[in-house]
C-alpha cells in the first residue's frame, strides 16, 4: 500500500511538472504560435555580425617535463627523506629562500 502511494505521488508530481511546463511555454512571447512577435524582438544586425572573442587555449602539457635517460634514478628512500625534509608534498610548492631558478 505504501509503495503504491509513493508511485502515485511521484507520477502525480511528474504530471504536474509537465503540464505547468507546457502552460509556461505557450504563454511565452517567442512562441511559434505568434511568429510576428518573435520577428520584432531580434537583435540589431550590428550586434549579430560581431564575432565572439574566444580565450587563447593553453595546453597544460606545454610545461610537461618528460623522463630523461641521462638523469640518474633515485632510491625511493632518498626521495621520501627529501620530501619529508621539505615539509611533505606541500613543501614542494613553496619558493626557495635563496630565490633560485625553478
PDB file of N, CA and C in Angstrom:
ATOM      1  N   UNK A   1       0.820  -1.190   0.000  1.00  0.00           N
ATOM      2  CA  UNK A   1       0.000   0.000   0.000  1.00  0.00           C
ATOM      3  C   UNK A   1       0.875   1.269   0.000  1.00  0.00           C
ATOM      4  N   UNK A   2       1.912   1.252   0.848  1.00  0.00           N
ATOM      5  CA  UNK A   2       2.794   2.417   0.928  1.00  0.00           C
ATOM      6  C   UNK A   2       3.543   2.606  -0.390  1.00  0.00           C
ATOM      7  N   UNK A   3       3.949   1.513  -1.023  1.00  0.00           N
ATOM      8  CA  UNK A   3       4.672   1.588  -2.286  1.00  0.00           C
ATOM      9  C   UNK A   3       3.781   2.193  -3.376  1.00  0.00           C
ATOM     10  N   UNK A   4       2.511   1.831  -3.381  1.00  0.00           N
ATOM     11  CA  UNK A   4       1.591   2.390  -4.378  1.00  0.00           C
ATOM     12  C   UNK A   4       1.424   3.894  -4.178  1.00  0.00           C
ATOM     13  N   UNK A   5       1.365   4.334  -2.934  1.00  0.00           N
ATOM     14  CA  UNK A   5       1.233   5.766  -2.670  1.00  0.00           C
ATOM     15  C   UNK A   5       2.461   6.535  -3.152  1.00  0.00           C
ATOM     16  N   UNK A   6       3.637   5.950  -2.957  1.00  0.00           N
ATOM     17  CA  UNK A   6       4.869   6.604  -3.410  1.00  0.00           C
ATOM     18  C   UNK A   6       4.883   6.702  -4.929  1.00  0.00           C
ATOM     19  N   UNK A   7       4.508   5.615  -5.619  1.00  0.00           N
ATOM     20  CA  UNK A   7       4.477   5.644  -7.085  1.00  0.00           C
ATOM     21  C   UNK A   7       3.426   6.625  -7.586  1.00  0.00           C
ATOM     22  N   UNK A   8       2.260   6.650  -6.939  1.00  0.00           N
ATOM     23  CA  UNK A   8       1.206   7.570  -7.344  1.00  0.00           C
ATOM     24  C   UNK A   8       1.649   9.017  -7.131  1.00  0.00           C
ATOM     25  N   UNK A   9       2.287   9.297  -5.988  1.00  0.00           N
ATOM     26  CA  UNK A   9       2.758  10.653  -5.712  1.00  0.00           C
ATOM     27  C   UNK A   9       3.840  11.094  -6.684  1.00  0.00           C
ATOM     28  N   UNK A  10       4.760  10.184  -7.015  1.00  0.00           N
ATOM     29  CA  UNK A  10       5.812  10.523  -7.975  1.00  0.00           C
ATOM     30  C   UNK A  10       5.252  10.771  -9.361  1.00  0.00           C
ATOM     31  N   UNK A  11       4.308   9.929  -9.772  1.00  0.00           N
ATOM     32  CA  UNK A  11       3.668  10.113 -11.077  1.00  0.00           C
ATOM     33  C   UNK A  11       2.883  11.401 -11.136  1.00  0.00           C
ATOM     34  N   UNK A  12       2.216  11.728 -10.049  1.00  0.00           N
ATOM     35  CA  UNK A  12       1.449  12.964  -9.987  1.00  0.00           C
ATOM     36  C   UNK A  12       2.372  14.178 -10.068  1.00  0.00           C
ATOM     37  N   UNK A  13       3.517  14.115  -9.406  1.00  0.00           N
ATOM     38  CA  UNK A  13       4.474  15.226  -9.449  1.00  0.00           C
ATOM     39  C   UNK A  13       5.017  15.429 -10.859  1.00  0.00           C
ATOM     40  N   UNK A  14       5.298  14.338 -11.560  1.00  0.00           N
ATOM     41  CA  UNK A  14       5.793  14.442 -12.939  1.00  0.00           C
ATOM     42  C   UNK A  14       4.721  15.027 -13.837  1.00  0.00           C
ATOM     43  N   UNK A  15       3.481  14.602 -13.668  1.00  0.00           N
ATOM     44  CA  UNK A  15       2.389  15.111 -14.497  1.00  0.00           C
ATOM     45  C   UNK A  15       2.182  16.602 -14.272  1.00  0.00           C
ATOM     46  N   UNK A  16       2.213  17.041 -13.029  1.00  0.00           N
ATOM     47  CA  UNK A  16       2.032  18.465 -12.729  1.00  0.00           C
ATOM     48  C   UNK A  16       3.181  19.276 -13.320  1.00  0.00           C
ATOM     49  N   UNK A  17       4.391  18.757 -13.244  1.00  0.00           N
ATOM     50  CA  UNK A  17       5.549  19.455 -13.805  1.00  0.00           C
ATOM     51  C   UNK A  17       5.425  19.594 -15.314  1.00  0.00           C
ATOM     52  N   UNK A  18       5.016  18.525 -15.982  1.00  0.00           N
ATOM     53  CA  UNK A  18       4.867  18.575 -17.436  1.00  0.00           C
ATOM     54  C   UNK A  18       3.775  19.551 -17.848  1.00  0.00           C
ATOM     55  N   UNK A  19       2.649  19.531 -17.171  1.00  0.00           N
ATOM     56  CA  UNK A  19       1.549  20.427 -17.518  1.00  0.00           C
ATOM     57  C   UNK A  19       1.945  21.874 -17.273  1.00  0.00           C
ATOM     58  N   UNK A  20       2.600  22.158 -16.161  1.00  0.00           N
ATOM     59  CA  UNK A  20       2.994  23.540 -15.890  1.00  0.00           C
ATOM     60  C   UNK A  20       4.050  24.015 -16.881  1.00  0.00           C
ATOM     61  N   UNK A  21       4.906  23.118 -17.339  1.00  0.00           N
ATOM     62  CA  UNK A  21       5.900  23.490 -18.347  1.00  0.00           C
ATOM     63  C   UNK A  21       5.264  23.823 -19.675  1.00  0.00           C
ATOM     64  N   UNK A  22       4.244  23.072 -20.065  1.00  0.00           N
ATOM     65  CA  UNK A  22       3.543  23.344 -21.321  1.00  0.00           C
ATOM     66  C   UNK A  22       2.814  24.666 -21.230  1.00  0.00           C
ATOM     67  N   UNK A  23       2.190  24.953 -20.099  1.00  0.00           N
ATOM     68  CA  UNK A  23       1.488  26.218 -19.938  1.00  0.00           C
ATOM     69  C   UNK A  23       2.456  27.389 -19.967  1.00  0.00           C
ATOM     70  N   UNK A  24       3.603  27.245 -19.333  1.00  0.00           N
ATOM     71  CA  UNK A  24       4.583  28.328 -19.325  1.00  0.00           C
ATOM     72  C   UNK A  24       5.148  28.559 -20.714  1.00  0.00           C
ATOM     73  N   UNK A  25       5.341  27.492 -21.467  1.00  0.00           N
ATOM     74  CA  UNK A  25       5.890  27.617 -22.815  1.00  0.00           C
ATOM     75  C   UNK A  25       4.896  28.276 -23.753  1.00  0.00           C
ATOM     76  N   UNK A  26       3.617  27.965 -23.627  1.00  0.00           N
ATOM     77  CA  UNK A  26       2.633  28.534 -24.539  1.00  0.00           C
ATOM     78  C   UNK A  26       2.376  30.004 -24.247  1.00  0.00           C
ATOM     79  N   UNK A  27       2.688  30.475 -23.049  1.00  0.00           N
ATOM     80  CA  UNK A  27       2.464  31.878 -22.729  1.00  0.00           C
ATOM     81  C   UNK A  27       3.684  32.752 -22.994  1.00  0.00           C
ATOM     82  N   UNK A  28       4.789  32.167 -23.444  1.00  0.00           N
ATOM     83  CA  UNK A  28       5.991  32.963 -23.707  1.00  0.00           C
ATOM     84  C   UNK A  28       5.827  33.759 -24.990  1.00  0.00           C
ATOM     85  N   UNK A  29       6.401  34.965 -25.093  1.00  0.00           N
ATOM     86  CA  UNK A  29       6.222  35.805 -26.279  1.00  0.00           C
ATOM     87  C   UNK A  29       6.924  35.267 -27.513  1.00  0.00           C
ATOM     88  N   UNK A  30       7.935  34.424 -27.374  1.00  0.00           N
ATOM     89  CA  UNK A  30       8.645  33.910 -28.542  1.00  0.00           C
ATOM     90  C   UNK A  30       8.089  32.568 -28.983  1.00  0.00           C
ATOM     91  N   UNK A  31       6.846  32.312 -28.689  1.00  0.00           N
ATOM     92  CA  UNK A  31       6.197  31.061 -29.052  1.00  0.00           C
ATOM     93  C   UNK A  31       6.021  30.999 -30.565  1.00  0.00           C
ATOM     94  N   UNK A  32       6.136  29.813 -31.183  1.00  0.00           N
ATOM     95  CA  UNK A  32       5.937  29.698 -32.621  1.00  0.00           C
ATOM     96  C   UNK A  32       4.515  30.015 -33.049  1.00  0.00           C
ATOM     97  N   UNK A  33       3.549  30.024 -32.120  1.00  0.00           N
ATOM     98  CA  UNK A  33       2.175  30.361 -32.465  1.00  0.00           C
ATOM     99  C   UNK A  33       2.051  31.833 -32.839  1.00  0.00           C
ATOM    100  N   UNK A  34       2.979  32.672 -32.415  1.00  0.00           N
ATOM    101  CA  UNK A  34       2.971  34.102 -32.716  1.00  0.00           C
ATOM    102  C   UNK A  34       4.268  34.484 -33.425  1.00  0.00           C
ATOM    103  N   UNK A  35       4.406  34.178 -34.726  1.00  0.00           N
ATOM    104  CA  UNK A  35       5.674  34.472 -35.402  1.00  0.00           C
ATOM    105  C   UNK A  35       5.958  35.961 -35.533  1.00  0.00           C
ATOM    106  N   UNK A  36       4.932  36.801 -35.545  1.00  0.00           N
ATOM    107  CA  UNK A  36       5.167  38.235 -35.693  1.00  0.00           C
ATOM    108  C   UNK A  36       5.852  38.805 -34.458  1.00  0.00           C
ATOM    109  N   UNK A  37       5.522  38.297 -33.283  1.00  0.00           N
ATOM    110  CA  UNK A  37       6.156  38.791 -32.063  1.00  0.00           C
ATOM    111  C   UNK A  37       7.623  38.415 -31.999  1.00  0.00           C
ATOM    112  N   UNK A  38       7.964  37.215 -32.420  1.00  0.00           N
ATOM    113  CA  UNK A  38       9.348  36.765 -32.369  1.00  0.00           C
ATOM    114  C   UNK A  38      10.232  37.517 -33.345  1.00  0.00           C
ATOM    115  N   UNK A  39       9.670  37.928 -34.489  1.00  0.00           N
ATOM    116  CA  UNK A  39      10.458  38.612 -35.512  1.00  0.00           C
ATOM    117  C   UNK A  39      10.780  40.043 -35.101  1.00  0.00           C
ATOM    118  N   UNK A  40       9.908  40.684 -34.327  1.00  0.00           N
ATOM    119  CA  UNK A  40      10.153  42.076 -33.964  1.00  0.00           C
ATOM    120  C   UNK A  40      11.150  42.209 -32.825  1.00  0.00           C
ATOM    121  N   UNK A  41      11.472  41.129 -32.134  1.00  0.00           N
ATOM    122  CA  UNK A  41      12.360  41.212 -30.983  1.00  0.00           C
ATOM    123  C   UNK A  41      13.772  40.732 -31.295  1.00  0.00           C
ATOM    124  N   UNK A  42      14.155  40.616 -32.541  1.00  0.00           N
ATOM    125  CA  UNK A  42      15.500  40.149 -32.870  1.00  0.00           C
ATOM    126  C   UNK A  42      16.509  41.268 -32.627  1.00  0.00           C
ATOM    127  N   UNK A  43      17.761  40.889 -32.443  1.00  0.00           N
ATOM    128  CA  UNK A  43      18.824  41.847 -32.160  1.00  0.00           C
ATOM    129  C   UNK A  43      19.166  42.632 -33.419  1.00  0.00           C
ATOM    130  N   UNK A  44      19.683  43.840 -33.262  1.00  0.00           N
ATOM    131  CA  UNK A  44      20.091  44.630 -34.426  1.00  0.00           C
ATOM    132  C   UNK A  44      21.198  43.916 -35.200  1.00  0.00           C
ATOM    133  N   UNK A  45      21.270  44.139 -36.517  1.00  0.00           N
ATOM    134  CA  UNK A  45      22.287  43.450 -37.331  1.00  0.00           C
ATOM    135  C   UNK A  45      23.711  43.760 -36.907  1.00  0.00           C
ATOM    136  N   UNK A  46      23.969  44.957 -36.359  1.00  0.00           N
ATOM    137  CA  UNK A  46      25.333  45.298 -35.959  1.00  0.00           C
ATOM    138  C   UNK A  46      25.809  44.427 -34.805  1.00  0.00           C
ATOM    139  N   UNK A  47      24.892  44.038 -33.903  1.00  0.00           N
ATOM    140  CA  UNK A  47      25.271  43.182 -32.782  1.00  0.00           C
ATOM    141  C   UNK A  47      25.422  41.732 -33.219  1.00  0.00           C
ATOM    142  N   UNK A  48      24.668  41.318 -34.231  1.00  0.00           N
ATOM    143  CA  UNK A  48      24.735  39.940 -34.692  1.00  0.00           C
ATOM    144  C   UNK A  48      26.008  39.658 -35.474  1.00  0.00           C
ATOM    145  N   UNK A  49      26.559  40.648 -36.153  1.00  0.00           N
ATOM    146  CA  UNK A  49      27.718  40.420 -37.009  1.00  0.00           C
ATOM    147  C   UNK A  49      29.044  40.413 -36.243  1.00  0.00           C
ATOM    148  N   UNK A  50      29.056  40.839 -34.988  1.00  0.00           N
ATOM    149  CA  UNK A  50      30.300  40.862 -34.218  1.00  0.00           C
ATOM    150  C   UNK A  50      30.724  39.440 -33.866  1.00  0.00           C
ATOM    151  N   UNK A  51      31.942  39.057 -34.213  1.00  0.00           N
ATOM    152  CA  UNK A  51      32.398  37.713 -33.829  1.00  0.00           C
ATOM    153  C   UNK A  51      32.703  37.659 -32.336  1.00  0.00           C
ATOM    154  N   UNK A  52      32.466  36.521 -31.773  1.00  0.00           N
ATOM    155  CA  UNK A  52      32.714  36.339 -30.347  1.00  0.00           C
ATOM    156  C   UNK A  52      34.202  36.060 -30.135  1.00  0.00           C
ATOM    157  N   UNK A  53      34.824  36.791 -29.226  1.00  0.00           N
ATOM    158  CA  UNK A  53      36.248  36.634 -28.951  1.00  0.00           C
ATOM    159  C   UNK A  53      36.429  35.448 -28.009  1.00  0.00           C
ATOM    160  N   UNK A  54      37.207  34.473 -28.442  1.00  0.00           N
ATOM    161  CA  UNK A  54      37.461  33.287 -27.636  1.00  0.00           C
ATOM    162  C   UNK A  54      38.788  33.430 -26.902  1.00  0.00           C
ATOM    163  N   UNK A  55      38.903  32.866 -25.711  1.00  0.00           N
ATOM    164  CA  UNK A  55      40.180  32.935 -24.993  1.00  0.00           C
ATOM    165  C   UNK A  55      41.232  32.078 -25.683  1.00  0.00           C
ATOM    166  N   UNK A  56      42.479  32.442 -25.497  1.00  0.00           N
ATOM    167  CA  UNK A  56      43.587  31.702 -26.092  1.00  0.00           C
ATOM    168  C   UNK A  56      43.747  30.385 -25.351  1.00  0.00           C
ATOM    169  N   UNK A  57      43.840  29.293 -26.091  1.00  0.00           N
ATOM    170  CA  UNK A  57      43.979  27.971 -25.480  1.00  0.00           C
ATOM    171  C   UNK A  57      45.425  27.737 -25.089  1.00  0.00           C
ATOM    172  N   UNK A  58      45.624  27.349 -23.834  1.00  0.00           N
ATOM    173  CA  UNK A  58      46.954  26.976 -23.347  1.00  0.00           C
ATOM    174  C   UNK A  58      46.881  25.552 -22.851  1.00  0.00           C
ATOM    175  N   UNK A  59      47.609  24.674 -23.476  1.00  0.00           N
ATOM    176  CA  UNK A  59      47.605  23.273 -23.093  1.00  0.00           C
ATOM    177  C   UNK A  59      48.331  23.085 -21.769  1.00  0.00           C
ATOM    178  N   UNK A  60      47.794  22.270 -20.881  1.00  0.00           N
ATOM    179  CA  UNK A  60      48.501  22.002 -19.629  1.00  0.00           C
ATOM    180  C   UNK A  60      49.758  21.174 -19.845  1.00  0.00           C
ATOM    181  N   UNK A  61      49.908  20.605 -21.020  1.00  0.00           N
ATOM    182  CA  UNK A  61      51.083  19.786 -21.304  1.00  0.00           C
ATOM    183  C   UNK A  61      52.241  20.591 -21.885  1.00  0.00           C
ATOM    184  N   UNK A  62      52.069  21.908 -22.061  1.00  0.00           N
ATOM    185  CA  UNK A  62      53.155  22.724 -22.601  1.00  0.00           C
ATOM    186  C   UNK A  62      54.382  22.713 -21.702  1.00  0.00           C
ATOM    187  N   UNK A  63      54.177  22.676 -20.396  1.00  0.00           N
ATOM    188  CA  UNK A  63      55.290  22.723 -19.453  1.00  0.00           C
ATOM    189  C   UNK A  63      55.631  21.349 -18.896  1.00  0.00           C
ATOM    190  N   UNK A  64      55.178  20.303 -19.551  1.00  0.00           N
ATOM    191  CA  UNK A  64      55.447  18.946 -19.081  1.00  0.00           C
ATOM    192  C   UNK A  64      56.924  18.621 -19.231  1.00  0.00           C
ATOM    193  N   UNK A  65      57.501  18.063 -18.197  1.00  0.00           N
ATOM    194  CA  UNK A  65      58.912  17.671 -18.231  1.00  0.00           C
ATOM    195  C   UNK A  65      58.968  16.153 -18.334  1.00  0.00           C
ATOM    196  N   UNK A  66      59.336  15.666 -19.465  1.00  0.00           N
ATOM    197  CA  UNK A  66      59.329  14.224 -19.697  1.00  0.00           C
ATOM    198  C   UNK A  66      60.545  13.546 -19.060  1.00  0.00           C
ATOM    199  N   UNK A  67      60.498  12.243 -19.016  1.00  0.00           N
ATOM    200  CA  UNK A  67      61.581  11.432 -18.473  1.00  0.00           C
ATOM    201  C   UNK A  67      62.812  11.591 -19.347  1.00  0.00           C
ATOM    202  N   UNK A  68      63.943  11.758 -18.704  1.00  0.00           N
ATOM    203  CA  UNK A  68      65.204  11.874 -19.443  1.00  0.00           C
ATOM    204  C   UNK A  68      66.104  10.721 -19.045  1.00  0.00           C
ATOM    205  N   UNK A  69      66.690  10.089 -20.024  1.00  0.00           N
ATOM    206  CA  UNK A  69      67.535   8.928 -19.786  1.00  0.00           C
ATOM    207  C   UNK A  69      68.806   9.323 -19.054  1.00  0.00           C
ATOM    208  N   UNK A  70      69.321  10.527 -19.309  1.00  0.00           N
ATOM    209  CA  UNK A  70      70.589  10.936 -18.712  1.00  0.00           C
ATOM    210  C   UNK A  70      70.467  11.301 -17.229  1.00  0.00           C
ATOM    211  N   UNK A  71      69.254  11.475 -16.695  1.00  0.00           N
ATOM    212  CA  UNK A  71      69.095  11.770 -15.274  1.00  0.00           C
ATOM    213  C   UNK A  71      69.141  10.468 -14.480  1.00  0.00           C
ATOM    214  N   UNK A  72      69.939  10.436 -13.440  1.00  0.00           N
ATOM    215  CA  UNK A  72      70.018   9.197 -12.654  1.00  0.00           C
ATOM    216  C   UNK A  72      68.748   8.988 -11.828  1.00  0.00           C
ATOM    217  N   UNK A  73      68.373   7.730 -11.669  1.00  0.00           N
ATOM    218  CA  UNK A  73      67.228   7.393 -10.832  1.00  0.00           C
ATOM    219  C   UNK A  73      67.635   7.467  -9.373  1.00  0.00           C
ATOM    220  N   UNK A  74      66.718   7.855  -8.500  1.00  0.00           N
ATOM    221  CA  UNK A  74      66.986   7.937  -7.075  1.00  0.00           C
ATOM    222  C   UNK A  74      66.255   6.805  -6.380  1.00  0.00           C
ATOM    223  N   UNK A  75      66.792   6.406  -5.263  1.00  0.00           N
ATOM    224  CA  UNK A  75      66.100   5.379  -4.492  1.00  0.00           C
ATOM    225  C   UNK A  75      64.863   6.001  -3.850  1.00  0.00           C
ATOM    226  N   UNK A  76      63.861   5.189  -3.590  1.00  0.00           N
ATOM    227  CA  UNK A  76      62.630   5.704  -3.013  1.00  0.00           C
ATOM    228  C   UNK A  76      62.870   6.255  -1.611  1.00  0.00           C
ATOM    229  N   UNK A  77      63.829   5.695  -0.912  1.00  0.00           N
ATOM    230  CA  UNK A  77      64.113   6.150   0.454  1.00  0.00           C
ATOM    231  C   UNK A  77      64.677   7.577   0.430  1.00  0.00           C
ATOM    232  N   UNK A  78      65.601   7.855  -0.506  1.00  0.00           N
ATOM    233  CA  UNK A  78      66.159   9.207  -0.616  1.00  0.00           C
ATOM    234  C   UNK A  78      65.078  10.221  -1.006  1.00  0.00           C
ATOM    235  N   UNK A  79      64.228   9.854  -1.953  1.00  0.00           N
ATOM    236  CA  UNK A  79      63.154  10.752  -2.381  1.00  0.00           C
ATOM    237  C   UNK A  79      62.175  11.008  -1.245  1.00  0.00           C
ATOM    238  N   UNK A  80      61.872   9.967  -0.471  1.00  0.00           N
ATOM    239  CA  UNK A  80      60.956  10.103   0.657  1.00  0.00           C
ATOM    240  C   UNK A  80      61.562  10.989   1.745  1.00  0.00           C
ATOM    241  N   UNK A  81      62.845  10.821   2.018  1.00  0.00           N
ATOM    242  CA  UNK A  81      63.512  11.648   3.026  1.00  0.00           C
ATOM    243  C   UNK A  81      63.541  13.117   2.606  1.00  0.00           C
ATOM    244  N   UNK A  82      63.782  13.376   1.325  1.00  0.00           N
ATOM    245  CA  UNK A  82      63.801  14.756   0.844  1.00  0.00           C
ATOM    246  C   UNK A  82      62.415  15.386   0.932  1.00  0.00           C
ATOM    247  N   UNK A  83      61.386  14.618   0.596  1.00  0.00           N
ATOM    248  CA  UNK A  83      60.019  15.140   0.703  1.00  0.00           C
ATOM    249  C   UNK A  83      59.682  15.463   2.152  1.00  0.00           C
ATOM    250  N   UNK A  84      60.128  14.646   3.086  1.00  0.00           N
ATOM    251  CA  UNK A  84      59.898  14.929   4.498  1.00  0.00           C
ATOM    252  C   UNK A  84      60.657  16.154   4.960  1.00  0.00           C
ATOM    253  N   UNK A  85      61.884  16.322   4.479  1.00  0.00           N
ATOM    254  CA  UNK A  85      62.696  17.480   4.839  1.00  0.00           C
ATOM    255  C   UNK A  85      62.078  18.773   4.299  1.00  0.00           C
ATOM    256  N   UNK A  86      61.450  18.699   3.127  1.00  0.00           N
ATOM    257  CA  UNK A  86      60.839  19.877   2.519  1.00  0.00           C
ATOM    258  C   UNK A  86      59.467  20.201   3.103  1.00  0.00           C
ATOM    259  N   UNK A  87      58.972  19.354   3.964  1.00  0.00           N
ATOM    260  CA  UNK A  87      57.662  19.621   4.557  1.00  0.00           C
ATOM    261  C   UNK A  87      56.550  18.840   3.894  1.00  0.00           C
ATOM    262  N   UNK A  88      56.866  17.713   3.333  1.00  0.00           N
ATOM    263  CA  UNK A  88      55.835  16.911   2.674  1.00  0.00           C
ATOM    264  C   UNK A  88      55.569  17.404   1.270  1.00  0.00           C
ATOM    265  N   UNK A  89      54.480  16.935   0.696  1.00  0.00           N
ATOM    266  CA  UNK A  89      54.191  17.304  -0.691  1.00  0.00           C
ATOM    267  C   UNK A  89      53.889  18.787  -0.842  1.00  0.00           C
ATOM    268  N   UNK A  90      53.404  19.441   0.193  1.00  0.00           N
ATOM    269  CA  UNK A  90      53.125  20.873   0.099  1.00  0.00           C
ATOM    270  C   UNK A  90      54.407  21.700   0.137  1.00  0.00           C
ATOM    271  N   UNK A  91      55.474  21.165   0.653  1.00  0.00           N
ATOM    272  CA  UNK A  91      56.732  21.889   0.702  1.00  0.00           C
ATOM    273  C   UNK A  91      57.334  22.104  -0.672  1.00  0.00           C
ATOM    274  N   UNK A  92      56.929  21.303  -1.638  1.00  0.00           N
ATOM    275  CA  UNK A  92      57.466  21.452  -2.989  1.00  0.00           C
ATOM    276  C   UNK A  92      56.923  22.694  -3.679  1.00  0.00           C
ATOM    277  N   UNK A  93      55.806  23.208  -3.206  1.00  0.00           N
ATOM    278  CA  UNK A  93      55.180  24.340  -3.871  1.00  0.00           C
ATOM    279  C   UNK A  93      55.651  25.682  -3.336  1.00  0.00           C
ATOM    280  N   UNK A  94      56.337  25.694  -2.208  1.00  0.00           N
ATOM    281  CA  UNK A  94      56.791  26.967  -1.650  1.00  0.00           C
ATOM    282  C   UNK A  94      58.097  27.389  -2.325  1.00  0.00           C
ATOM    283  N   UNK A  95      58.265  28.681  -2.598  1.00  0.00           N
ATOM    284  CA  UNK A  95      59.507  29.129  -3.235  1.00  0.00           C
ATOM    285  C   UNK A  95      60.684  28.994  -2.274  1.00  0.00           C
ATOM    286  N   UNK A  96      61.842  28.800  -2.844  1.00  0.00           N
ATOM    287  CA  UNK A  96      63.033  28.642  -2.009  1.00  0.00           C
ATOM    288  C   UNK A  96      63.434  29.993  -1.423  1.00  0.00           C
ATOM    289  N   UNK A  97      64.102  29.969  -0.279  1.00  0.00           N
ATOM    290  CA  UNK A  97      64.523  31.199   0.394  1.00  0.00           C
ATOM    291  C   UNK A  97      65.668  31.870  -0.360  1.00  0.00           C
ATOM    292  N   UNK A  98      66.423  31.094  -1.132  1.00  0.00           N
ATOM    293  CA  UNK A  98      67.564  31.631  -1.864  1.00  0.00           C
ATOM    294  C   UNK A  98      67.139  32.358  -3.132  1.00  0.00           C
ATOM    295  N   UNK A  99      65.896  32.166  -3.569  1.00  0.00           N
ATOM    296  CA  UNK A  99      65.433  32.817  -4.791  1.00  0.00           C
ATOM    297  C   UNK A  99      66.020  32.197  -6.029  1.00  0.00           C
ATOM    298  N   UNK A 100      66.353  30.924  -5.966  1.00  0.00           N
ATOM    299  CA  UNK A 100      66.946  30.239  -7.105  1.00  0.00           C
ATOM    300  C   UNK A 100      65.963  30.021  -8.232  1.00  0.00           C
ATOM    301  N   UNK A 101      66.505  29.598  -9.339  1.00  0.00           N
ATOM    302  CA  UNK A 101      65.693  29.355 -10.525  1.00  0.00           C
ATOM    303  C   UNK A 101      64.965  28.037 -10.392  1.00  0.00           C
ATOM    304  N   UNK A 102      63.742  28.001 -10.838  1.00  0.00           N
ATOM    305  CA  UNK A 102      62.941  26.769 -10.781  1.00  0.00           C
ATOM    306  C   UNK A 102      63.152  25.933 -11.996  1.00  0.00           C
TER     307      UNK A 102
END
